[in-house]
Protein backbone atom coordinates (compact mmCIF):
# COMPACT_ATOMS: atom_id res chain seq x y z
CA UNK A 1 -0.13 0.06 0.09
CA UNK A 2 0.91 3.48 -0.60
CA UNK A 3 2.43 5.53 2.14
CA UNK A 4 3.31 9.21 2.94
CA UNK A 5 6.71 8.86 1.58
CA UNK A 6 5.49 7.79 -2.04
CA UNK A 7 3.15 10.91 -2.38
CA UNK A 8 4.47 13.72 -0.16
CA UNK A 9 6.28 16.82 -1.55
CA UNK A 10 9.79 17.28 -0.61
CA UNK A 11 10.44 20.93 -2.06
CA UNK A 12 8.91 22.87 0.90
CA UNK A 13 9.00 26.28 1.65
CA UNK A 14 10.01 26.81 5.42
CA UNK A 15 10.39 29.69 7.89
CA UNK A 16 12.28 29.83 11.16
CA UNK A 17 11.32 30.78 14.78
CA UNK A 18 13.05 34.20 14.43
CA UNK A 19 12.18 35.04 11.11
CA UNK A 20 9.79 38.22 10.82
CA UNK A 21 6.17 37.93 10.22
CA UNK A 22 6.62 40.23 7.18
CA UNK A 23 8.60 37.68 5.42
CA UNK A 24 6.60 34.99 6.54
CA UNK A 25 3.73 36.80 4.62
CA UNK A 26 5.69 37.56 1.83
CA UNK A 27 6.56 34.14 1.40
CA UNK A 28 2.86 32.80 1.62
CA UNK A 29 1.92 35.48 -1.18
CA UNK A 30 4.76 34.43 -3.46
CA UNK A 31 4.44 30.67 -2.86
CA UNK A 32 0.36 30.83 -2.87
CA UNK A 33 0.43 28.57 0.41
CA UNK A 34 -1.62 28.97 3.24
CA UNK A 35 0.82 27.53 5.77
CA UNK A 36 4.42 27.42 6.56
CA UNK A 37 6.26 24.95 8.66
CA UNK A 38 8.28 26.43 11.26
CA UNK A 39 11.73 24.69 11.25
CA UNK A 40 14.45 24.97 14.14
CA UNK A 41 18.05 25.44 13.51
CA UNK A 42 18.49 21.70 14.41
CA UNK A 43 16.27 21.00 11.42
CA UNK A 44 13.49 19.86 13.92
CA UNK A 45 9.85 20.78 13.11
CA UNK A 46 9.09 23.30 15.59
CA UNK A 47 5.42 24.47 14.56
CA UNK A 48 3.29 25.76 11.90
CA UNK A 49 2.29 29.23 10.77
CA UNK A 50 -1.12 29.26 9.14
CA UNK A 51 -3.08 32.25 7.37
CA UNK A 52 -5.34 31.64 10.67
CA UNK A 53 -2.64 32.01 13.10
CA UNK A 54 -1.81 35.32 11.46
CA UNK A 55 -5.36 36.75 12.02
CA UNK A 56 -3.99 37.39 15.58
CA UNK A 57 -2.29 40.28 13.79
CA UNK A 58 -5.53 42.14 13.39
CA UNK A 59 -5.59 42.71 17.23
CA UNK A 60 -1.79 42.71 17.80
CA UNK A 61 -0.89 45.15 15.53
CA UNK A 62 0.23 47.42 18.28
CA UNK A 63 1.77 45.00 20.35
CA UNK A 64 5.33 44.95 18.90
CA UNK A 65 5.29 41.28 18.08
CA UNK A 66 7.44 40.79 15.24
CA UNK A 67 8.57 37.09 15.23
CA UNK A 68 7.27 33.93 13.74
CA UNK A 69 7.61 32.52 17.08
CA UNK A 70 4.95 34.92 18.38
CA UNK A 71 2.30 33.39 16.24
CA UNK A 72 2.89 30.08 15.34
CA UNK A 73 0.95 26.79 16.49
CA UNK A 74 2.95 24.57 18.44
CA UNK A 75 0.44 21.70 18.31
CA UNK A 76 1.33 19.69 15.38
CA UNK A 77 -0.30 16.98 13.57
CA UNK A 78 2.47 15.40 11.82
CA UNK A 79 3.00 11.88 9.87
CA UNK A 80 5.46 9.61 9.79
CA UNK A 81 6.79 8.31 6.37
CA UNK A 82 4.89 5.03 6.72
CA UNK A 83 1.77 6.19 7.26
CA UNK A 84 -0.66 4.68 4.99
CA UNK A 85 -2.91 6.83 2.50
CA UNK A 86 -5.99 5.38 4.64
CA UNK A 87 -4.76 6.82 7.76
CA UNK A 88 -3.76 10.08 6.03
CA UNK A 89 -7.17 10.43 4.79
CA UNK A 90 -8.81 9.86 8.13
CA UNK A 91 -6.68 12.59 9.47
CA UNK A 92 -7.66 15.19 6.77
CA UNK A 93 -11.18 14.27 7.36
CA UNK A 94 -10.93 14.78 11.20
CA UNK A 95 -8.66 17.69 11.65
CA UNK A 96 -9.85 19.77 8.64
CA UNK A 97 -6.32 20.81 7.73
CA UNK A 98 -5.21 21.51 4.04
CA UNK A 99 -1.31 20.14 4.64
CA UNK A 100 0.34 17.70 6.92
CA UNK A 101 3.79 17.70 7.76
CA UNK A 102 6.05 14.53 7.17
CA UNK A 103 8.86 13.96 9.62
CA UNK A 104 11.39 11.43 10.05
CA UNK A 105 12.52 11.20 13.57
CA UNK A 106 11.29 14.64 14.28
CA UNK A 107 12.76 15.84 11.24
CA UNK A 108 10.81 17.60 8.61
CA UNK A 109 11.09 15.90 5.43
CA UNK A 110 8.13 16.42 3.21
CA UNK A 111 4.57 17.89 3.26
CA UNK A 112 1.52 16.04 1.95
CA UNK A 113 -1.72 18.03 0.92
CA UNK A 114 -5.14 16.69 0.35
CA UNK A 115 -4.90 17.54 -3.53
CA UNK A 116 -1.77 15.36 -3.46
CA UNK A 117 -3.71 12.68 -1.55
CA UNK A 118 -6.42 12.63 -3.56
CA UNK A 119 -4.40 12.54 -6.79
CA UNK A 120 -2.63 9.61 -5.56
CA UNK A 121 -5.60 7.78 -4.61
CA UNK A 122 -7.31 8.53 -8.12
CA UNK A 123 -3.87 7.34 -9.58
CA UNK A 124 -4.11 4.05 -7.68
CA UNK A 125 -7.38 3.11 -9.12
CA UNK A 126 -6.14 3.06 -12.65
CA UNK A 127 -6.81 5.65 -15.70
CA UNK A 128 -10.21 7.36 -15.45
CA UNK A 129 -12.40 8.41 -18.40
CA UNK A 130 -11.50 11.82 -19.55
CA UNK A 131 -13.30 14.95 -17.88
CA UNK A 132 -14.38 17.92 -19.57
CA UNK A 133 -11.79 20.94 -19.21
CA UNK A 134 -12.11 23.11 -15.91
CA UNK A 135 -12.36 26.95 -15.99
CA UNK A 136 -9.49 28.33 -13.65
CA UNK A 137 -10.12 31.56 -11.94
CA UNK A 138 -8.77 34.40 -13.57
CA UNK A 139 -7.00 37.07 -11.70
CA UNK A 140 -8.44 40.44 -12.58
CA UNK A 141 -5.98 43.21 -13.82
CA UNK A 142 -6.20 46.59 -12.52
CA UNK A 143 -5.38 49.96 -14.03
CA UNK A 144 -6.20 52.11 -11.44
CA UNK A 145 -4.83 54.19 -8.33
CA UNK A 146 -5.93 52.81 -4.95
CA UNK A 147 -5.00 54.58 -1.50
CA UNK A 148 -4.82 51.97 1.19
CA UNK A 149 -5.74 53.31 4.92
CA UNK A 150 -4.31 50.41 7.30
CA UNK A 151 -2.27 50.81 10.43
CA UNK A 152 -1.14 47.44 10.44
CA UNK A 153 2.17 46.91 8.70
CA UNK A 154 1.48 43.14 7.89
CA UNK A 155 -2.05 43.75 6.66
CA UNK A 156 -1.04 47.03 4.47
CA UNK A 157 1.99 45.05 2.65
CA UNK A 158 -0.47 42.32 1.97
CA UNK A 159 -3.01 44.55 0.19
CA UNK A 160 0.07 46.71 -1.36
CA UNK A 161 1.73 43.32 -2.75
CA UNK A 162 -1.34 41.79 -4.21
CA UNK A 163 -2.91 45.15 -5.78
CA UNK A 164 0.57 46.03 -7.33
CA UNK A 165 0.95 42.57 -8.92
CA UNK A 166 -2.45 42.94 -10.32
CA UNK A 167 -1.31 46.11 -11.90
CA UNK A 168 -2.39 48.82 -9.53
CA UNK A 169 -0.70 51.93 -8.11
CA UNK A 170 -0.68 51.75 -4.63
CA UNK A 171 -0.21 54.52 -1.94
CA UNK A 172 -0.12 53.36 1.73
CA UNK A 173 -1.09 55.49 4.77
CA UNK A 174 -1.17 54.39 8.51
CA UNK A 175 -4.42 56.29 9.80
CA UNK A 176 -7.22 58.26 8.66
CA UNK A 177 -6.05 61.59 9.03
CA UNK A 178 -3.05 60.88 6.43
CA UNK A 179 -5.73 59.18 4.13
CA UNK A 180 -7.75 62.29 4.26
CA UNK A 181 -4.78 64.49 3.62
CA UNK A 182 -3.43 62.13 0.79
CA UNK A 183 -6.88 62.72 -0.86
CA UNK A 184 -7.41 66.12 -0.50
CA UNK A 185 -4.31 66.82 -2.03
CA UNK A 186 -5.39 65.44 -5.21
CA UNK A 187 -8.62 67.22 -5.47
CA UNK A 188 -8.33 70.13 -7.98
CA UNK A 189 -4.62 69.54 -8.40
CA UNK A 190 -2.88 69.50 -11.64
CA UNK A 191 0.05 67.55 -10.64
CA UNK A 192 -1.61 64.67 -9.22
CA UNK A 193 -4.22 62.33 -10.48
CA UNK A 194 -7.32 61.55 -7.89
CA UNK A 195 -7.42 57.99 -6.25
CA UNK A 196 -9.75 55.79 -8.25
CA UNK A 197 -10.71 53.79 -4.80
CA UNK A 198 -9.98 53.76 -1.29
CA UNK A 199 -9.58 50.69 1.05
CA UNK A 200 -10.33 52.13 4.29
CA UNK A 201 -9.40 50.27 7.62
CA UNK A 202 -12.37 51.23 10.15
CA UNK A 203 -10.13 50.70 13.30
CA UNK A 204 -7.09 53.02 13.21
CA UNK A 205 -5.13 55.75 15.63
CA UNK A 206 -5.47 59.37 15.37
CA UNK A 207 -8.50 59.49 13.14
CA UNK A 208 -11.11 56.22 12.49
CA UNK A 209 -11.87 54.89 9.14
CA UNK A 210 -15.58 56.25 9.73
CA UNK A 211 -14.33 59.54 10.56
CA UNK A 212 -11.93 59.88 7.65
CA UNK A 213 -14.59 58.59 5.35
CA UNK A 214 -17.32 61.22 6.39
CA UNK A 215 -14.63 64.05 6.15
CA UNK A 216 -13.83 62.83 2.70
CA UNK A 217 -17.54 62.84 1.51
CA UNK A 218 -17.99 66.22 3.27
CA UNK A 219 -14.89 67.72 1.02
CA UNK A 220 -16.22 66.19 -2.23
CA UNK A 221 -14.53 62.96 -2.82
CA UNK A 222 -16.95 60.88 -4.91
CA UNK A 223 -14.97 57.73 -5.84
CA UNK A 224 -15.62 54.33 -4.08
CA UNK A 225 -14.54 54.12 -0.51
CA UNK A 226 -14.70 50.29 0.71
CA UNK A 227 -14.68 49.72 4.49
CA UNK A 228 -11.84 46.95 5.78
CA UNK A 229 -13.14 45.88 8.73
CA UNK A 230 -13.08 42.95 10.89
CA UNK A 231 -16.57 43.86 12.40
CA UNK A 232 -19.32 41.13 11.99
CA UNK A 233 -22.14 42.30 13.45
CA UNK A 234 -24.68 43.84 10.86
CA UNK A 235 -25.41 47.05 12.62
CA UNK A 236 -21.45 47.74 12.72
CA UNK A 237 -21.42 47.09 9.03
CA UNK A 238 -24.38 49.36 8.30
CA UNK A 239 -22.42 52.06 10.37
CA UNK A 240 -19.74 51.97 7.77
CA UNK A 241 -22.06 52.54 5.24
CA UNK A 242 -23.70 55.18 6.85
CA UNK A 243 -20.51 56.97 7.10
CA UNK A 244 -20.30 57.00 3.40
CA UNK A 245 -18.64 53.88 2.50
CA UNK A 246 -19.92 52.03 -0.55
CA UNK A 247 -19.15 48.37 0.79
CA UNK A 248 -17.34 46.54 3.05
CA UNK A 249 -14.98 43.19 2.97
CA UNK A 250 -14.30 41.69 6.26
CA UNK A 251 -10.78 40.54 7.52
CA UNK A 252 -9.31 37.90 6.96
CA UNK A 253 -9.21 39.02 3.16
CA UNK A 254 -8.73 36.74 0.42
CA UNK A 255 -6.71 38.01 -2.26
CA UNK A 256 -9.04 37.04 -5.08
CA UNK A 257 -11.99 38.68 -3.32
CA UNK A 258 -10.17 41.73 -2.44
CA UNK A 259 -8.91 42.20 -6.58
CA UNK A 260 -12.35 41.40 -7.98
CA UNK A 261 -14.10 44.11 -5.46
CA UNK A 262 -11.48 46.77 -6.73
CA UNK A 263 -12.21 45.69 -10.24
CA UNK A 264 -15.82 45.86 -10.07
CA UNK A 265 -15.91 49.33 -7.92
CA UNK A 266 -13.40 51.33 -10.31
CA UNK A 267 -14.86 49.93 -13.42
CA UNK A 268 -18.51 50.92 -12.12
CA UNK A 269 -17.85 54.32 -10.46
CA UNK A 270 -15.11 56.85 -11.59
CA UNK A 271 -13.04 58.86 -8.97
CA UNK A 272 -13.24 62.80 -8.48
CA UNK A 273 -15.40 65.49 -6.97
CA UNK A 274 -19.07 66.03 -7.84
């Protein structure tokens, strides 16, 4: 019977406990993975850093925590190389994780994902009938100027990286006051084009996103403003809309959702003043 050793991936992207969180986020985006094994200097598996662990950044953006070790999970479900595909399938079913590390005497030697497991099971059953080609998700291409108001450095870099790769020109500010100043500087200016869309975090120091949005609407900005918020209650979401936001997206934000919303809003509504 096939085992983890037969189907695992040995080309694994890892981080160290002392690496910065920004470095880990950059690796996740570059390699399109949802988690990274954390490997100590000795080569032993020390933990897992997942996108769910990084949600804590939303709450800890002022806590001064900068290292992978501050956010990684140390409760690890790992496999031995000899684990059978049946046992692996049961682990995936019971834990709801996407990828599992494979170790040899505590040393990380590979990873196995749900997709790799399914592919291995399919191949073990012999050739299947040809299936109809499936459509792949198309990454929206952007041609717009985006202002991102976000006080969390890691979140700001995520937005900037994703938007720039899609073709947008991005300006990043860290509070509502700076967002207002940046936008007002472009209104009526001959030397700088106005922003086509604003992504506005709702909870920021100096000036909140709600207050910044109200100020911008009072000053005549008519482009789309999208609230970026961890708020989930409907009345709190309504507060964002009442402040003048056109829509809201909730943290944690999926990259494709972010690009799709920006593409749709910039295509439907030009920026500028009334």
